[in-house]
Amino acid sequence: MLEIRRLLLTEFALQDVEDFFPFYSHPNVVRYTVRKALTSLAEAHDLLQAAVRKESLTEVHLDLYATASNHA
């Protein structure tokens, strides 16, 4: 975990799925990433499950970084 005044970064957890889904289902958020917008909580759960198992964590972090960079 990393915490600074205006930001708290934690590792992904399966209980984050309901917060994660709206972010990754929005077309403008995923527009410049290699990932298509998620269409269901089940897809979000599968992606988070892989991230928690460290199978696609790098991909998720890179997607988030790319999205944030495009909106800076």
Foldseek 3Di string as FASTA:
>chain_A
DDDDDPDDDDAQDLVCLVVPLVQQQDCLQQVPAPDHRDDDSVVSSVVSVCCVVVNCVVSVVVSNVVSVVVVD
